[in-house]
Amino acid sequence: MPYKISESWLLNYDNHEHRQQVEKFIDDYRQYLLNLPTDKQKCECISKMNQMKRKKYWSCNDININITCGDICYVDFGVGYINECSYQHFGIILKMMNHKVYVLPMTSNKRTVEKSKLCEKDHLFYIGQPEGLHKETCTFINDGRFINSARVISVNAHIDTDCKLFKELNKVVIENFCDKI
């Protein structure tokens, strides 16, 4: 059975004994990390370090990263649950609003990209291999979300927002989600 973090420290949180409770949390988290495969440990630690260093930034402008709609960026999505995009992945920026961006996570996993090319899955959209990327990619349209743009680590490619591909991607997102809410 997978390790589950004990939450007893939270249920009994006492401001007078907060140091003990923080230590209990750190012990539980340490055990959780040690039980992860090393590749997941690395991703978890990178995301937590990014959060500690970047959480006070209003946007990516605070770290001299300039983005526009259509940019394909390397993004730290942070810690996620099963079936959610988490940790560090590429993502395409569809919308910018008030220091946040609406981003669709991407993958270059060969099986997933092939399924997107064949239109086998409604939640996948084939992007191809834009200049600046080394592999063919697709997006997870069901995992799009608004994030603080300070989660953007780098800008790696761009798809012109006036091109057919970008317009079709926007249309698919709107048809699949906005019309059904």
N, C-alpha and C. Protein backbone atom coordinates (compact mmCIF):
# COMPACT_ATOMS: atom_id res chain seq x y z
N MET A 1 0.85 -1.19 0.00
CA MET A 1 0.00 0.00 0.00
C MET A 1 0.89 1.24 0.00
N PRO A 2 0.59 2.23 -0.86
CA PRO A 2 1.42 3.43 -0.90
C PRO A 2 1.42 4.18 0.43
N TYR A 3 2.50 4.90 0.66
CA TYR A 3 2.62 5.70 1.87
C TYR A 3 1.62 6.84 1.83
N LYS A 4 0.97 7.10 2.93
CA LYS A 4 0.03 8.22 3.05
C LYS A 4 0.54 9.15 4.14
N ILE A 5 0.61 10.44 3.83
CA ILE A 5 1.08 11.41 4.82
C ILE A 5 0.10 11.46 5.98
N SER A 6 0.61 11.38 7.17
CA SER A 6 -0.22 11.48 8.36
C SER A 6 -0.65 12.93 8.54
N GLU A 7 -1.92 13.11 8.79
CA GLU A 7 -2.43 14.47 8.95
C GLU A 7 -2.78 14.79 10.39
N SER A 8 -2.35 13.95 11.31
CA SER A 8 -2.68 14.19 12.72
C SER A 8 -2.08 15.51 13.21
N TRP A 9 -0.94 15.91 12.67
CA TRP A 9 -0.31 17.17 13.07
C TRP A 9 -1.21 18.35 12.69
N LEU A 10 -1.97 18.23 11.60
CA LEU A 10 -2.84 19.32 11.16
C LEU A 10 -4.12 19.37 11.99
N LEU A 11 -4.69 18.22 12.25
CA LEU A 11 -5.93 18.18 13.01
C LEU A 11 -5.77 18.75 14.41
N ASN A 12 -4.59 18.57 14.98
CA ASN A 12 -4.33 19.01 16.35
C ASN A 12 -3.41 20.24 16.38
N TYR A 13 -3.43 21.03 15.31
CA TYR A 13 -2.50 22.16 15.22
C TYR A 13 -2.73 23.13 16.38
N ASP A 14 -1.64 23.42 17.05
CA ASP A 14 -1.68 24.30 18.22
C ASP A 14 -0.57 25.33 18.03
N ASN A 15 -0.94 26.59 18.04
CA ASN A 15 0.05 27.64 17.83
C ASN A 15 1.18 27.60 18.86
N HIS A 16 0.92 27.07 20.03
CA HIS A 16 1.95 27.02 21.06
C HIS A 16 2.94 25.89 20.81
N GLU A 17 2.51 24.88 20.07
CA GLU A 17 3.39 23.75 19.80
C GLU A 17 3.68 23.61 18.31
N HIS A 18 3.64 24.74 17.60
CA HIS A 18 3.77 24.67 16.16
C HIS A 18 5.11 24.11 15.69
N ARG A 19 6.17 24.32 16.45
CA ARG A 19 7.48 23.78 16.03
C ARG A 19 7.44 22.26 15.97
N GLN A 20 6.83 21.65 16.95
CA GLN A 20 6.71 20.19 16.96
C GLN A 20 5.88 19.72 15.77
N GLN A 21 4.82 20.43 15.49
CA GLN A 21 3.94 20.04 14.39
C GLN A 21 4.62 20.22 13.04
N VAL A 22 5.39 21.27 12.90
CA VAL A 22 6.15 21.47 11.67
C VAL A 22 7.19 20.35 11.53
N GLU A 23 7.84 19.99 12.60
CA GLU A 23 8.81 18.88 12.56
C GLU A 23 8.15 17.58 12.16
N LYS A 24 6.94 17.33 12.65
CA LYS A 24 6.20 16.12 12.29
C LYS A 24 5.90 16.13 10.80
N PHE A 25 5.45 17.28 10.29
CA PHE A 25 5.18 17.39 8.86
C PHE A 25 6.46 17.14 8.06
N ILE A 26 7.57 17.75 8.46
CA ILE A 26 8.83 17.57 7.75
C ILE A 26 9.27 16.11 7.78
N ASP A 27 9.10 15.45 8.89
CA ASP A 27 9.43 14.02 8.98
C ASP A 27 8.57 13.20 8.02
N ASP A 28 7.27 13.49 8.01
CA ASP A 28 6.37 12.77 7.10
C ASP A 28 6.74 13.04 5.64
N TYR A 29 7.02 14.30 5.33
CA TYR A 29 7.36 14.66 3.96
C TYR A 29 8.69 14.02 3.55
N ARG A 30 9.65 13.99 4.44
CA ARG A 30 10.93 13.35 4.17
C ARG A 30 10.72 11.87 3.83
N GLN A 31 9.88 11.20 4.62
CA GLN A 31 9.59 9.78 4.37
C GLN A 31 8.90 9.59 3.03
N TYR A 32 7.96 10.49 2.74
CA TYR A 32 7.27 10.46 1.45
C TYR A 32 8.27 10.57 0.31
N LEU A 33 9.18 11.55 0.38
CA LEU A 33 10.18 11.74 -0.66
C LEU A 33 11.08 10.52 -0.82
N LEU A 34 11.52 9.96 0.29
CA LEU A 34 12.42 8.81 0.24
C LEU A 34 11.76 7.59 -0.38
N ASN A 35 10.44 7.52 -0.33
CA ASN A 35 9.72 6.38 -0.91
C ASN A 35 9.40 6.58 -2.39
N LEU A 36 9.65 7.76 -2.93
CA LEU A 36 9.41 8.01 -4.35
C LEU A 36 10.57 7.45 -5.18
N PRO A 37 10.30 7.06 -6.43
CA PRO A 37 11.41 6.73 -7.33
C PRO A 37 12.29 7.97 -7.51
N THR A 38 13.56 7.78 -7.79
CA THR A 38 14.50 8.92 -7.84
C THR A 38 14.11 9.98 -8.86
N ASP A 39 13.52 9.57 -10.00
CA ASP A 39 13.13 10.59 -10.98
C ASP A 39 12.00 11.46 -10.45
N LYS A 40 11.08 10.87 -9.68
CA LYS A 40 9.99 11.64 -9.07
C LYS A 40 10.50 12.49 -7.90
N GLN A 41 11.49 11.98 -7.17
CA GLN A 41 12.11 12.77 -6.09
C GLN A 41 12.68 14.06 -6.67
N LYS A 42 13.39 13.90 -7.79
CA LYS A 42 14.02 15.06 -8.43
C LYS A 42 12.96 16.08 -8.85
N CYS A 43 11.90 15.62 -9.52
CA CYS A 43 10.82 16.52 -9.97
C CYS A 43 10.16 17.22 -8.79
N GLU A 44 9.90 16.47 -7.74
CA GLU A 44 9.25 17.03 -6.54
C GLU A 44 10.13 18.11 -5.92
N CYS A 45 11.42 17.80 -5.80
CA CYS A 45 12.34 18.77 -5.19
C CYS A 45 12.48 20.03 -6.05
N ILE A 46 12.55 19.85 -7.36
CA ILE A 46 12.63 21.02 -8.25
C ILE A 46 11.39 21.89 -8.09
N SER A 47 10.21 21.26 -8.08
CA SER A 47 8.97 22.03 -7.94
C SER A 47 8.90 22.75 -6.61
N LYS A 48 9.29 22.09 -5.55
CA LYS A 48 9.24 22.73 -4.23
C LYS A 48 10.26 23.88 -4.14
N MET A 49 11.46 23.69 -4.71
CA MET A 49 12.44 24.77 -4.70
C MET A 49 11.94 25.95 -5.53
N ASN A 50 11.36 25.65 -6.70
CA ASN A 50 10.79 26.73 -7.52
C ASN A 50 9.71 27.48 -6.76
N GLN A 51 8.86 26.74 -6.05
CA GLN A 51 7.80 27.39 -5.27
C GLN A 51 8.39 28.29 -4.20
N MET A 52 9.39 27.79 -3.49
CA MET A 52 10.00 28.61 -2.43
C MET A 52 10.65 29.86 -2.99
N LYS A 53 11.29 29.75 -4.15
CA LYS A 53 12.01 30.89 -4.73
C LYS A 53 11.12 31.86 -5.49
N ARG A 54 10.00 31.35 -6.07
CA ARG A 54 9.20 32.16 -6.98
C ARG A 54 7.83 32.56 -6.45
N LYS A 55 7.41 32.06 -5.31
CA LYS A 55 6.03 32.27 -4.88
C LYS A 55 5.66 33.73 -4.62
N LYS A 56 6.63 34.58 -4.41
CA LYS A 56 6.33 36.00 -4.15
C LYS A 56 6.31 36.84 -5.43
N TYR A 57 6.62 36.22 -6.56
CA TYR A 57 6.62 36.97 -7.82
C TYR A 57 5.21 37.11 -8.36
N TRP A 58 4.89 38.32 -8.82
CA TRP A 58 3.58 38.57 -9.41
C TRP A 58 3.46 37.92 -10.77
N SER A 59 4.57 37.88 -11.50
CA SER A 59 4.53 37.34 -12.85
C SER A 59 5.94 37.01 -13.31
N CYS A 60 6.02 36.45 -14.51
CA CYS A 60 7.32 36.13 -15.09
C CYS A 60 8.14 37.39 -15.39
N ASN A 61 7.49 38.53 -15.48
CA ASN A 61 8.23 39.79 -15.71
C ASN A 61 9.20 40.07 -14.56
N ASP A 62 8.86 39.60 -13.36
CA ASP A 62 9.72 39.80 -12.20
C ASP A 62 11.04 39.04 -12.32
N ILE A 63 11.08 38.05 -13.20
CA ILE A 63 12.32 37.29 -13.41
C ILE A 63 12.82 37.44 -14.85
N ASN A 64 12.41 38.56 -15.47
CA ASN A 64 12.87 38.93 -16.80
C ASN A 64 12.57 37.89 -17.87
N ILE A 65 11.40 37.30 -17.80
CA ILE A 65 10.92 36.40 -18.85
C ILE A 65 9.70 37.06 -19.46
N ASN A 66 9.74 37.27 -20.76
CA ASN A 66 8.63 37.89 -21.47
C ASN A 66 7.93 36.84 -22.31
N ILE A 67 6.62 36.78 -22.16
CA ILE A 67 5.84 35.78 -22.89
C ILE A 67 4.69 36.44 -23.64
N THR A 68 4.21 35.74 -24.66
CA THR A 68 3.03 36.17 -25.41
C THR A 68 2.19 34.93 -25.71
N CYS A 69 0.95 35.17 -26.08
CA CYS A 69 0.09 34.06 -26.48
C CYS A 69 0.74 33.35 -27.67
N GLY A 70 0.65 32.04 -27.65
CA GLY A 70 1.27 31.22 -28.69
C GLY A 70 2.65 30.71 -28.30
N ASP A 71 3.22 31.25 -27.24
CA ASP A 71 4.53 30.76 -26.79
C ASP A 71 4.42 29.35 -26.23
N ILE A 72 5.39 28.54 -26.56
CA ILE A 72 5.52 27.22 -25.95
C ILE A 72 6.64 27.34 -24.94
N CYS A 73 6.29 27.15 -23.69
CA CYS A 73 7.20 27.41 -22.58
C CYS A 73 7.45 26.14 -21.78
N TYR A 74 8.59 26.11 -21.13
CA TYR A 74 8.86 25.08 -20.14
C TYR A 74 8.30 25.64 -18.84
N VAL A 75 7.40 24.88 -18.21
CA VAL A 75 6.61 25.37 -17.09
C VAL A 75 6.72 24.42 -15.91
N ASP A 76 6.76 24.97 -14.72
CA ASP A 76 6.68 24.14 -13.52
C ASP A 76 5.23 24.16 -13.05
N PHE A 77 4.51 23.08 -13.32
CA PHE A 77 3.10 22.98 -12.93
C PHE A 77 2.93 22.65 -11.45
N GLY A 78 4.03 22.35 -10.77
CA GLY A 78 3.95 22.05 -9.35
C GLY A 78 3.49 20.63 -9.09
N VAL A 79 3.22 20.38 -7.84
CA VAL A 79 2.79 19.05 -7.40
C VAL A 79 1.35 18.82 -7.84
N GLY A 80 1.06 17.63 -8.33
CA GLY A 80 -0.29 17.31 -8.77
C GLY A 80 -0.74 15.96 -8.26
N TYR A 81 -2.00 15.70 -8.45
CA TYR A 81 -2.59 14.40 -8.13
C TYR A 81 -2.55 13.53 -9.38
N ILE A 82 -2.97 12.28 -9.23
CA ILE A 82 -3.01 11.39 -10.38
C ILE A 82 -3.94 11.97 -11.45
N ASN A 83 -3.58 11.80 -12.70
CA ASN A 83 -4.31 12.31 -13.86
C ASN A 83 -4.28 13.83 -13.98
N GLU A 84 -3.37 14.49 -13.30
CA GLU A 84 -3.15 15.93 -13.47
C GLU A 84 -1.72 16.13 -13.96
N CYS A 85 -1.55 17.14 -14.78
CA CYS A 85 -0.20 17.50 -15.18
C CYS A 85 0.52 18.06 -13.96
N SER A 86 1.71 17.58 -13.72
CA SER A 86 2.46 18.07 -12.57
C SER A 86 3.94 18.19 -12.93
N TYR A 87 4.65 18.86 -12.07
CA TYR A 87 6.09 19.06 -12.22
C TYR A 87 6.42 19.86 -13.48
N GLN A 88 7.50 19.54 -14.14
CA GLN A 88 7.99 20.37 -15.23
C GLN A 88 7.63 19.75 -16.59
N HIS A 89 6.91 20.54 -17.39
CA HIS A 89 6.50 20.12 -18.73
C HIS A 89 6.44 21.36 -19.63
N PHE A 90 6.42 21.09 -20.93
CA PHE A 90 6.15 22.17 -21.86
C PHE A 90 4.65 22.46 -21.83
N GLY A 91 4.31 23.69 -22.16
CA GLY A 91 2.92 24.10 -22.24
C GLY A 91 2.79 25.24 -23.22
N ILE A 92 1.63 25.34 -23.85
CA ILE A 92 1.39 26.43 -24.79
C ILE A 92 0.45 27.44 -24.16
N ILE A 93 0.82 28.70 -24.28
CA ILE A 93 0.06 29.80 -23.70
C ILE A 93 -1.08 30.18 -24.66
N LEU A 94 -2.33 30.08 -24.17
CA LEU A 94 -3.48 30.45 -24.99
C LEU A 94 -4.02 31.83 -24.63
N LYS A 95 -3.90 32.22 -23.38
CA LYS A 95 -4.50 33.48 -22.93
C LYS A 95 -3.66 34.06 -21.80
N MET A 96 -3.58 35.37 -21.74
CA MET A 96 -2.90 36.07 -20.65
C MET A 96 -3.90 37.03 -20.03
N MET A 97 -3.96 37.01 -18.68
CA MET A 97 -4.91 37.87 -18.00
C MET A 97 -4.45 38.14 -16.57
N ASN A 98 -4.21 39.40 -16.26
CA ASN A 98 -3.91 39.82 -14.89
C ASN A 98 -2.82 38.98 -14.22
N HIS A 99 -1.66 38.93 -14.83
CA HIS A 99 -0.48 38.22 -14.32
C HIS A 99 -0.58 36.70 -14.40
N LYS A 100 -1.69 36.20 -14.93
CA LYS A 100 -1.84 34.76 -15.07
C LYS A 100 -1.90 34.41 -16.55
N VAL A 101 -1.61 33.15 -16.84
CA VAL A 101 -1.72 32.65 -18.21
C VAL A 101 -2.56 31.38 -18.21
N TYR A 102 -3.34 31.22 -19.26
CA TYR A 102 -4.04 29.95 -19.47
C TYR A 102 -3.13 29.11 -20.33
N VAL A 103 -2.71 27.98 -19.80
CA VAL A 103 -1.71 27.14 -20.46
C VAL A 103 -2.25 25.73 -20.61
N LEU A 104 -1.93 25.12 -21.75
CA LEU A 104 -2.23 23.72 -21.99
C LEU A 104 -0.94 22.93 -21.88
N PRO A 105 -0.88 21.96 -20.96
CA PRO A 105 0.32 21.12 -20.86
C PRO A 105 0.51 20.31 -22.14
N MET A 106 1.76 19.99 -22.43
CA MET A 106 2.12 19.25 -23.64
C MET A 106 2.94 18.03 -23.28
N THR A 107 2.98 17.10 -24.23
CA THR A 107 3.84 15.93 -24.07
C THR A 107 4.45 15.57 -25.41
N SER A 108 5.62 14.92 -25.35
CA SER A 108 6.25 14.38 -26.55
C SER A 108 6.28 12.85 -26.49
N ASN A 109 5.56 12.27 -25.54
CA ASN A 109 5.47 10.81 -25.43
C ASN A 109 4.97 10.25 -26.77
N LYS A 110 5.75 9.34 -27.36
CA LYS A 110 5.45 8.86 -28.72
C LYS A 110 4.07 8.23 -28.86
N ARG A 111 3.67 7.39 -27.91
CA ARG A 111 2.35 6.75 -27.98
C ARG A 111 1.23 7.78 -27.92
N THR A 112 1.40 8.75 -27.03
CA THR A 112 0.38 9.78 -26.86
C THR A 112 0.29 10.67 -28.10
N VAL A 113 1.45 11.05 -28.64
CA VAL A 113 1.48 11.88 -29.85
C VAL A 113 0.81 11.13 -31.01
N GLU A 114 1.09 9.84 -31.15
CA GLU A 114 0.46 9.04 -32.22
C GLU A 114 -1.05 9.02 -32.07
N LYS A 115 -1.54 8.85 -30.85
CA LYS A 115 -2.99 8.86 -30.61
C LYS A 115 -3.59 10.21 -31.00
N SER A 116 -2.84 11.29 -30.72
CA SER A 116 -3.35 12.62 -31.07
C SER A 116 -3.38 12.81 -32.59
N LYS A 117 -2.40 12.26 -33.29
CA LYS A 117 -2.36 12.37 -34.75
C LYS A 117 -3.54 11.63 -35.39
N LEU A 118 -3.92 10.52 -34.77
CA LEU A 118 -5.01 9.71 -35.30
C LEU A 118 -6.38 10.13 -34.75
N CYS A 119 -6.37 11.19 -33.94
CA CYS A 119 -7.60 11.71 -33.32
C CYS A 119 -8.33 10.61 -32.54
N GLU A 120 -7.56 9.76 -31.87
CA GLU A 120 -8.14 8.66 -31.09
C GLU A 120 -8.68 9.10 -29.74
N LYS A 121 -8.21 10.22 -29.24
CA LYS A 121 -8.62 10.69 -27.91
C LYS A 121 -9.10 12.13 -28.00
N ASP A 122 -10.27 12.40 -27.42
CA ASP A 122 -10.84 13.75 -27.45
C ASP A 122 -10.03 14.76 -26.66
N HIS A 123 -9.27 14.31 -25.68
CA HIS A 123 -8.55 15.24 -24.82
C HIS A 123 -7.16 15.60 -25.34
N LEU A 124 -6.79 15.06 -26.50
CA LEU A 124 -5.47 15.34 -27.08
C LEU A 124 -5.61 16.18 -28.34
N PHE A 125 -4.64 17.07 -28.55
CA PHE A 125 -4.61 17.89 -29.76
C PHE A 125 -3.19 17.89 -30.29
N TYR A 126 -3.01 17.45 -31.54
CA TYR A 126 -1.68 17.34 -32.15
C TYR A 126 -1.14 18.72 -32.51
N ILE A 127 0.08 18.98 -32.08
CA ILE A 127 0.76 20.26 -32.36
C ILE A 127 1.80 20.11 -33.46
N GLY A 128 2.50 18.98 -33.46
CA GLY A 128 3.59 18.79 -34.42
C GLY A 128 4.91 19.12 -33.75
N GLN A 129 5.87 19.59 -34.55
CA GLN A 129 7.19 19.93 -34.03
C GLN A 129 7.55 21.36 -34.44
N PRO A 130 7.04 22.32 -33.68
CA PRO A 130 7.37 23.71 -33.99
C PRO A 130 8.88 23.96 -33.85
N GLU A 131 9.36 24.92 -34.61
CA GLU A 131 10.78 25.29 -34.53
C GLU A 131 11.12 25.65 -33.08
N GLY A 132 12.18 25.06 -32.57
CA GLY A 132 12.59 25.29 -31.19
C GLY A 132 12.37 24.06 -30.31
N LEU A 133 11.53 23.13 -30.78
CA LEU A 133 11.31 21.88 -30.06
C LEU A 133 12.01 20.75 -30.81
N HIS A 134 12.41 19.73 -30.08
CA HIS A 134 13.19 18.64 -30.68
C HIS A 134 12.35 17.43 -31.05
N LYS A 135 11.08 17.41 -30.64
CA LYS A 135 10.21 16.27 -30.90
C LYS A 135 8.81 16.75 -31.25
N GLU A 136 8.05 15.85 -31.88
CA GLU A 136 6.63 16.13 -32.11
C GLU A 136 5.92 16.18 -30.76
N THR A 137 4.90 17.00 -30.68
CA THR A 137 4.19 17.16 -29.42
C THR A 137 2.68 17.21 -29.63
N CYS A 138 1.98 17.06 -28.53
CA CYS A 138 0.54 17.28 -28.52
C CYS A 138 0.19 17.89 -27.16
N THR A 139 -1.01 18.44 -27.08
CA THR A 139 -1.47 19.05 -25.83
C THR A 139 -2.54 18.19 -25.18
N PHE A 140 -2.65 18.37 -23.88
CA PHE A 140 -3.75 17.78 -23.11
C PHE A 140 -4.78 18.90 -22.92
N ILE A 141 -5.79 18.94 -23.76
CA ILE A 141 -6.73 20.05 -23.65
C ILE A 141 -7.59 19.97 -22.39
N ASN A 142 -7.70 18.79 -21.81
CA ASN A 142 -8.48 18.64 -20.58
C ASN A 142 -7.70 19.00 -19.33
N ASP A 143 -6.46 19.39 -19.49
CA ASP A 143 -5.63 19.74 -18.33
C ASP A 143 -5.21 21.20 -18.35
N GLY A 144 -5.83 22.00 -19.23
CA GLY A 144 -5.51 23.42 -19.28
C GLY A 144 -5.95 24.12 -18.00
N ARG A 145 -5.20 25.14 -17.63
CA ARG A 145 -5.56 25.90 -16.44
C ARG A 145 -4.82 27.23 -16.40
N PHE A 146 -5.37 28.13 -15.58
CA PHE A 146 -4.69 29.39 -15.33
C PHE A 146 -3.63 29.17 -14.26
N ILE A 147 -2.45 29.70 -14.50
CA ILE A 147 -1.36 29.64 -13.53
C ILE A 147 -0.71 31.01 -13.46
N ASN A 148 -0.01 31.27 -12.37
CA ASN A 148 0.81 32.47 -12.27
C ASN A 148 1.93 32.33 -13.30
N SER A 149 2.15 33.36 -14.08
CA SER A 149 3.17 33.26 -15.13
C SER A 149 4.59 33.13 -14.58
N ALA A 150 4.78 33.33 -13.28
CA ALA A 150 6.10 33.11 -12.67
C ALA A 150 6.46 31.63 -12.69
N ARG A 151 5.52 30.75 -12.99
CA ARG A 151 5.81 29.31 -13.14
C ARG A 151 6.55 29.02 -14.44
N VAL A 152 6.58 29.98 -15.36
CA VAL A 152 7.28 29.79 -16.64
C VAL A 152 8.79 29.83 -16.37
N ILE A 153 9.46 28.78 -16.83
CA ILE A 153 10.91 28.66 -16.64
C ILE A 153 11.65 29.20 -17.86
N SER A 154 11.13 28.90 -19.05
CA SER A 154 11.77 29.38 -20.28
C SER A 154 10.75 29.39 -21.41
N VAL A 155 11.04 30.21 -22.43
CA VAL A 155 10.25 30.24 -23.66
C VAL A 155 11.08 29.51 -24.71
N ASN A 156 10.49 28.45 -25.31
CA ASN A 156 11.28 27.59 -26.19
C ASN A 156 10.83 27.61 -27.64
N ALA A 157 9.58 27.96 -27.91
CA ALA A 157 9.07 27.98 -29.28
C ALA A 157 7.85 28.90 -29.31
N HIS A 158 7.32 29.09 -30.50
CA HIS A 158 6.16 29.96 -30.65
C HIS A 158 5.32 29.47 -31.82
N ILE A 159 4.01 29.53 -31.65
CA ILE A 159 3.06 29.28 -32.73
C ILE A 159 2.30 30.59 -32.94
N ASP A 160 2.32 31.08 -34.15
CA ASP A 160 1.65 32.34 -34.48
C ASP A 160 0.16 32.22 -34.16
N THR A 161 -0.35 33.19 -33.41
CA THR A 161 -1.75 33.15 -32.99
C THR A 161 -2.71 33.37 -34.16
N ASP A 162 -2.21 33.82 -35.31
CA ASP A 162 -3.05 34.01 -36.49
C ASP A 162 -3.06 32.78 -37.40
N CYS A 163 -2.26 31.77 -37.06
CA CYS A 163 -2.18 30.60 -37.94
C CYS A 163 -3.36 29.65 -37.67
N LYS A 164 -3.61 28.78 -38.67
CA LYS A 164 -4.73 27.85 -38.61
C LYS A 164 -4.63 26.93 -37.38
N LEU A 165 -3.44 26.44 -37.08
CA LEU A 165 -3.25 25.51 -35.96
C LEU A 165 -3.67 26.13 -34.64
N PHE A 166 -3.22 27.35 -34.37
CA PHE A 166 -3.54 28.02 -33.11
C PHE A 166 -5.04 28.30 -33.02
N LYS A 167 -5.62 28.77 -34.11
CA LYS A 167 -7.06 29.06 -34.11
C LYS A 167 -7.87 27.79 -33.88
N GLU A 168 -7.45 26.69 -34.50
CA GLU A 168 -8.16 25.41 -34.32
C GLU A 168 -8.03 24.93 -32.88
N LEU A 169 -6.85 25.08 -32.29
CA LEU A 169 -6.64 24.69 -30.90
C LEU A 169 -7.57 25.47 -29.98
N ASN A 170 -7.62 26.77 -30.15
CA ASN A 170 -8.53 27.60 -29.35
C ASN A 170 -9.98 27.15 -29.53
N LYS A 171 -10.37 26.88 -30.77
CA LYS A 171 -11.73 26.46 -31.07
C LYS A 171 -12.06 25.15 -30.34
N VAL A 172 -11.14 24.20 -30.38
CA VAL A 172 -11.36 22.89 -29.73
C VAL A 172 -11.50 23.07 -28.23
N VAL A 173 -10.66 23.90 -27.63
CA VAL A 173 -10.74 24.14 -26.19
C VAL A 173 -12.10 24.75 -25.84
N ILE A 174 -12.50 25.75 -26.57
CA ILE A 174 -13.78 26.41 -26.29
C ILE A 174 -14.94 25.45 -26.49
N GLU A 175 -14.93 24.70 -27.60
CA GLU A 175 -16.03 23.77 -27.87
C GLU A 175 -16.13 22.67 -26.81
N ASN A 176 -14.99 22.19 -26.35
CA ASN A 176 -15.00 21.06 -25.42
C ASN A 176 -15.23 21.45 -23.98
N PHE A 177 -14.98 22.70 -23.64
CA PHE A 177 -15.08 23.06 -22.23
C PHE A 177 -15.99 24.23 -21.98
N CYS A 178 -15.80 25.30 -22.66
CA CYS A 178 -16.59 26.50 -22.37
C CYS A 178 -18.05 26.32 -22.75
N ASP A 179 -18.32 25.65 -23.85
CA ASP A 179 -19.70 25.45 -24.27
C ASP A 179 -20.44 24.45 -23.37
N LYS A 180 -19.70 23.65 -22.60
CA LYS A 180 -20.33 22.59 -21.82
C LYS A 180 -20.39 22.90 -20.33
N ILE A 181 -19.99 24.08 -19.96
CA ILE A 181 -20.01 24.44 -18.54
C ILE A 181 -21.37 24.98 -18.17
